[in-house]
Amino acid sequence: MKLIKYLLLLTVTTTLLSSCNKSTAKETEMSTVSYQCPMKCEGDKVYVEKGSCPVCKMDLRLVSKSTKVKSDKISDESIFNLTSKWNTEEGKTITLKDLKGKTLVVVMIYTTCKAACPRLAADMRNIEAKISEDYKNDVNYILVSIDPKTDTPEKLKKFAIENYMDEDQWTFLQGTESGVREFANVLAVKYKEISPIDFSHSNIISVFNPQGEIVHQQEGLGVDNKETITKIIETINKD
């Protein structure tokens, strides 16, 4: 009988110790963090505390592995409250909420435009090219057509290929006329059809955080995008 009690006690003690060790290991893993300059001004140098890069003064980015718990709550300012449906260049139907979880860089264009839109597309490529490889998977680039009658998914796909925007980080959207107008109003983008194949429109590139809230806008064609790049990286680091 004493032997049985001893074995039971030994089993319980071993289980408790094992559980305690696992808990300690988990806590250690979570507490071991490091930070690095997002622009890598000092190469691969890391810091153990939050702060700013001594060279470029940007906030250091968390680079150690950690589990992020993201809230599903959507604020009143989020574009994810819009319920309109959209077709991608691949023919898939989505809502804006399906874009949740990444920083979004958004511009409104139309594919038959011969003046401003090619420049806007080039500005989007320039922004994408200046984002470090470390952040490539954190950003989606969205081009929304203001001419949904003409810009079918097939035409958007053709435009994407011709403008070297056919990789996974690029998404083109065709909506309904009412859905496009509603979205444009949120972005303060004004557009007007002046002929069957021509529109006048604002030239604005907007940045949204992963919760769909607008955090920055770049207005104009061929403008200095330094502030936009900085805001994109800051937005990623806040997530």
Protein backbone atom coordinates (compact mmCIF):
# COMPACT_ATOMS: atom_id res chain seq x y z
CA MET A 1 0.00 0.00 0.00
CA LYS A 2 2.86 2.38 0.88
CA LEU A 3 4.48 1.62 -2.48
CA ILE A 4 1.29 2.55 -4.35
CA LYS A 5 1.01 5.85 -2.44
CA TYR A 6 4.66 6.62 -3.21
CA LEU A 7 4.17 5.97 -6.92
CA LEU A 8 1.07 8.17 -7.01
CA LEU A 9 2.90 10.99 -5.22
CA LEU A 10 5.85 10.67 -7.60
CA THR A 11 3.54 10.84 -10.64
CA VAL A 12 1.74 13.96 -9.39
CA THR A 13 5.03 15.68 -8.52
CA THR A 14 6.52 14.90 -11.95
CA THR A 15 3.42 16.25 -13.71
CA LEU A 16 3.47 19.49 -11.70
CA LEU A 17 7.18 20.01 -12.35
CA SER A 18 6.70 19.39 -16.07
CA SER A 19 3.82 21.89 -16.20
CA CYS A 20 5.87 24.45 -14.29
CA ASN A 21 8.85 24.02 -16.62
CA LYS A 22 6.66 24.48 -19.70
CA SER A 23 5.16 27.64 -18.23
CA THR A 24 8.59 29.02 -17.43
CA ALA A 25 9.85 28.25 -20.93
CA LYS A 26 6.87 30.05 -22.43
CA GLU A 27 7.44 33.09 -20.25
CA THR A 28 11.13 33.13 -21.20
CA GLU A 29 10.34 32.95 -24.88
CA MET A 30 7.89 35.82 -24.60
CA SER A 31 10.25 38.00 -22.60
CA THR A 32 13.23 37.51 -24.93
CA VAL A 33 12.74 40.28 -27.47
CA SER A 34 14.97 42.41 -29.62
CA TYR A 35 14.55 45.57 -31.65
CA GLN A 36 16.17 46.76 -34.86
CA CYS A 37 16.19 49.85 -37.06
CA PRO A 38 13.61 49.32 -39.87
CA MET A 39 16.03 50.88 -42.36
CA LYS A 40 18.95 48.81 -41.00
CA CYS A 41 21.17 51.87 -40.68
CA GLU A 42 23.50 49.82 -38.47
CA GLY A 43 23.27 46.58 -40.39
CA ASP A 44 21.96 43.66 -38.32
CA LYS A 45 22.57 45.33 -34.96
CA VAL A 46 19.74 44.75 -32.46
CA TYR A 47 18.69 46.33 -29.17
CA VAL A 48 17.01 44.71 -26.17
CA GLU A 49 14.85 47.74 -25.37
CA LYS A 50 12.47 49.94 -27.33
CA GLY A 51 13.83 53.22 -28.60
CA SER A 52 14.85 55.02 -31.75
CA CYS A 53 17.67 54.49 -34.22
CA PRO A 54 20.62 56.75 -33.34
CA VAL A 55 21.21 57.34 -37.06
CA CYS A 56 17.80 57.97 -38.72
CA LYS A 57 15.81 58.51 -35.48
CA MET A 58 13.02 56.14 -36.59
CA ASP A 59 11.36 53.93 -33.97
CA LEU A 60 13.07 50.56 -33.60
CA ARG A 61 11.06 47.59 -34.88
CA LEU A 62 10.39 44.42 -32.89
CA VAL A 63 12.24 41.66 -34.73
CA SER A 64 12.06 38.69 -32.35
CA LYS A 65 9.34 36.09 -32.80
CA SER A 66 6.23 36.85 -30.80
CA THR A 67 2.56 36.00 -30.85
CA LYS A 68 0.36 38.97 -31.61
CA VAL A 69 -3.24 38.93 -30.48
CA LYS A 70 -5.24 41.07 -32.85
CA SER A 71 -8.67 42.39 -32.04
CA ASP A 72 -11.53 41.83 -34.47
CA LYS A 73 -13.18 45.05 -33.36
CA ILE A 74 -13.62 47.62 -36.13
CA SER A 75 -13.71 51.34 -35.33
CA ASP A 76 -16.26 53.75 -36.76
CA GLU A 77 -13.49 55.31 -38.90
CA SER A 78 -12.61 52.04 -40.65
CA ILE A 79 -13.30 51.41 -44.34
CA PHE A 80 -14.11 47.84 -43.33
CA ASN A 81 -17.54 49.09 -42.25
CA LEU A 82 -18.40 49.52 -45.94
CA THR A 83 -20.39 46.52 -47.15
CA SER A 84 -19.94 47.00 -50.91
CA LYS A 85 -18.70 44.05 -52.96
CA TRP A 86 -15.75 44.21 -55.32
CA ASN A 87 -14.26 42.08 -58.08
CA THR A 88 -10.49 41.62 -58.17
CA GLU A 89 -8.39 41.37 -61.31
CA GLU A 90 -8.47 37.60 -60.77
CA GLY A 91 -12.28 37.56 -60.87
CA LYS A 92 -12.71 36.94 -57.15
CA THR A 93 -15.53 38.74 -55.30
CA ILE A 94 -14.52 40.31 -51.98
CA THR A 95 -15.50 42.99 -49.48
CA LEU A 96 -13.06 45.57 -48.16
CA LYS A 97 -13.00 43.72 -44.85
CA ASP A 98 -11.22 40.86 -46.64
CA LEU A 99 -8.20 43.20 -46.87
CA LYS A 100 -8.00 43.50 -43.08
CA GLY A 101 -4.70 42.68 -41.39
CA LYS A 102 -2.14 44.49 -43.55
CA THR A 103 -1.16 48.09 -44.14
CA LEU A 104 -2.93 49.25 -47.31
CA VAL A 105 -1.64 51.74 -49.88
CA VAL A 106 -4.59 52.78 -52.05
CA VAL A 107 -5.06 54.82 -55.21
CA MET A 108 -8.06 55.38 -57.50
CA ILE A 109 -7.44 55.28 -61.26
CA TYR A 110 -8.96 54.10 -64.54
CA THR A 111 -7.10 52.01 -67.09
CA THR A 112 -7.88 54.05 -70.23
CA CYS A 113 -6.42 57.21 -68.68
CA LYS A 114 -3.52 58.60 -70.71
CA ALA A 115 -2.39 61.43 -68.46
CA ALA A 116 -2.44 61.28 -64.66
CA CYS A 117 -3.11 57.57 -64.05
CA PRO A 118 0.12 56.24 -65.60
CA ARG A 119 1.99 58.67 -63.32
CA LEU A 120 -0.04 57.52 -60.30
CA ALA A 121 0.77 53.90 -61.16
CA ALA A 122 4.45 54.82 -61.37
CA ASP A 123 4.21 56.58 -57.99
CA MET A 124 2.74 53.41 -56.49
CA ARG A 125 5.59 51.32 -57.93
CA ASN A 126 8.13 53.80 -56.54
CA ILE A 127 6.61 53.48 -53.08
CA GLU A 128 6.60 49.68 -53.30
CA ALA A 129 10.22 49.64 -54.46
CA LYS A 130 11.37 51.68 -51.45
CA ILE A 131 9.82 49.39 -48.84
CA SER A 132 12.42 47.08 -47.33
CA GLU A 133 12.18 43.33 -48.03
CA ASP A 134 11.54 42.88 -44.29
CA TYR A 135 8.18 44.61 -44.76
CA LYS A 136 7.10 43.26 -48.15
CA ASN A 137 4.57 40.84 -46.66
CA ASP A 138 3.08 43.54 -44.40
CA VAL A 139 1.74 45.79 -47.18
CA ASN A 140 -0.92 45.44 -49.87
CA TYR A 141 -1.13 47.90 -52.76
CA ILE A 142 -4.70 48.49 -53.92
CA LEU A 143 -5.77 50.17 -57.18
CA VAL A 144 -9.48 50.95 -57.38
CA SER A 145 -11.09 51.75 -60.73
CA ILE A 146 -13.32 54.83 -60.98
CA ASP A 147 -14.66 53.45 -64.29
CA PRO A 148 -16.28 50.14 -63.32
CA LYS A 149 -18.25 49.91 -66.59
CA THR A 150 -15.06 49.72 -68.65
CA ASP A 151 -12.56 48.25 -66.21
CA THR A 152 -13.60 44.61 -66.06
CA PRO A 153 -11.44 42.12 -64.14
CA GLU A 154 -9.90 41.08 -67.46
CA LYS A 155 -8.90 44.66 -68.33
CA LEU A 156 -7.57 45.23 -64.82
CA LYS A 157 -5.48 42.07 -65.11
CA LYS A 158 -4.08 43.24 -68.44
CA PHE A 159 -3.24 46.64 -66.94
CA ALA A 160 -1.55 44.95 -63.97
CA ILE A 161 0.69 42.85 -66.21
CA GLU A 162 1.58 45.77 -68.50
CA ASN A 163 2.53 47.92 -65.50
CA TYR A 164 4.47 45.22 -63.63
CA MET A 165 1.87 45.08 -60.86
CA ASP A 166 0.85 41.43 -61.10
CA GLU A 167 2.59 40.04 -58.02
CA ASP A 168 0.77 38.99 -54.84
CA GLN A 169 1.13 42.35 -53.08
CA TRP A 170 -0.93 44.10 -55.79
CA THR A 171 -4.74 44.03 -55.96
CA PHE A 172 -7.03 45.74 -58.48
CA LEU A 173 -10.70 46.31 -57.69
CA GLN A 174 -13.80 46.82 -59.82
CA GLY A 175 -16.91 47.82 -57.87
CA THR A 176 -20.39 49.10 -58.57
CA GLU A 177 -20.85 52.77 -59.41
CA SER A 178 -22.42 53.42 -56.01
CA GLY A 179 -19.73 51.42 -54.20
CA VAL A 180 -16.93 53.29 -55.96
CA ARG A 181 -18.54 56.66 -55.22
CA GLU A 182 -18.99 55.76 -51.54
CA PHE A 183 -15.37 54.66 -51.27
CA ALA A 184 -14.14 57.81 -53.05
CA ASN A 185 -16.05 59.97 -50.59
CA VAL A 186 -14.26 58.29 -47.69
CA LEU A 187 -10.90 59.07 -49.32
CA ALA A 188 -11.96 62.62 -50.29
CA VAL A 189 -11.22 61.68 -53.90
CA LYS A 190 -13.27 63.65 -56.42
CA TYR A 191 -13.90 62.36 -59.93
CA LYS A 192 -16.23 63.22 -62.80
CA GLU A 193 -16.89 61.63 -66.17
CA ILE A 194 -16.24 64.25 -68.84
CA SER A 195 -16.63 61.92 -71.84
CA PRO A 196 -17.42 58.22 -72.37
CA ILE A 197 -13.73 57.39 -72.02
CA ASP A 198 -12.34 60.23 -69.94
CA PHE A 199 -12.54 61.36 -66.31
CA SER A 200 -11.23 64.25 -64.29
CA HIS A 201 -10.12 63.10 -60.85
CA SER A 202 -8.05 63.79 -57.74
CA ASN A 203 -4.51 62.45 -57.58
CA ILE A 204 -4.30 61.02 -54.07
CA ILE A 205 -2.51 57.99 -52.63
CA SER A 206 -3.88 56.95 -49.24
CA VAL A 207 -2.34 54.79 -46.51
CA PHE A 208 -4.55 52.73 -44.17
CA ASN A 209 -3.53 50.83 -41.07
CA PRO A 210 -4.41 47.10 -40.77
CA GLN A 211 -7.69 48.07 -39.08
CA GLY A 212 -8.77 50.07 -42.13
CA GLU A 213 -8.27 53.55 -40.67
CA ILE A 214 -6.69 56.21 -42.86
CA VAL A 215 -3.35 57.40 -41.47
CA HIS A 216 -1.78 59.37 -44.32
CA GLN A 217 -2.42 60.82 -47.77
CA GLN A 218 -0.02 61.86 -50.51
CA GLU A 219 -1.47 64.35 -52.96
CA GLY A 220 -0.08 65.21 -56.38
CA LEU A 221 1.89 63.53 -59.15
CA GLY A 222 5.56 62.59 -58.88
CA VAL A 223 5.87 64.15 -55.43
CA ASP A 224 8.53 63.31 -52.83
CA ASN A 225 7.30 60.11 -51.17
CA LYS A 226 9.68 60.14 -48.19
CA GLU A 227 6.91 61.03 -45.73
CA THR A 228 4.67 58.31 -47.19
CA ILE A 229 7.39 55.66 -46.84
CA THR A 230 8.05 56.71 -43.25
CA LYS A 231 4.34 56.55 -42.40
CA ILE A 232 3.96 53.09 -43.93
CA ILE A 233 6.83 51.72 -41.85
CA GLU A 234 5.58 53.42 -38.69
CA THR A 235 2.13 51.93 -39.29
CA ILE A 236 3.55 48.44 -39.69
CA ASN A 237 5.57 48.78 -36.49
CA LYS A 238 2.51 49.89 -34.52
CA ASP A 239 0.56 46.80 -35.52
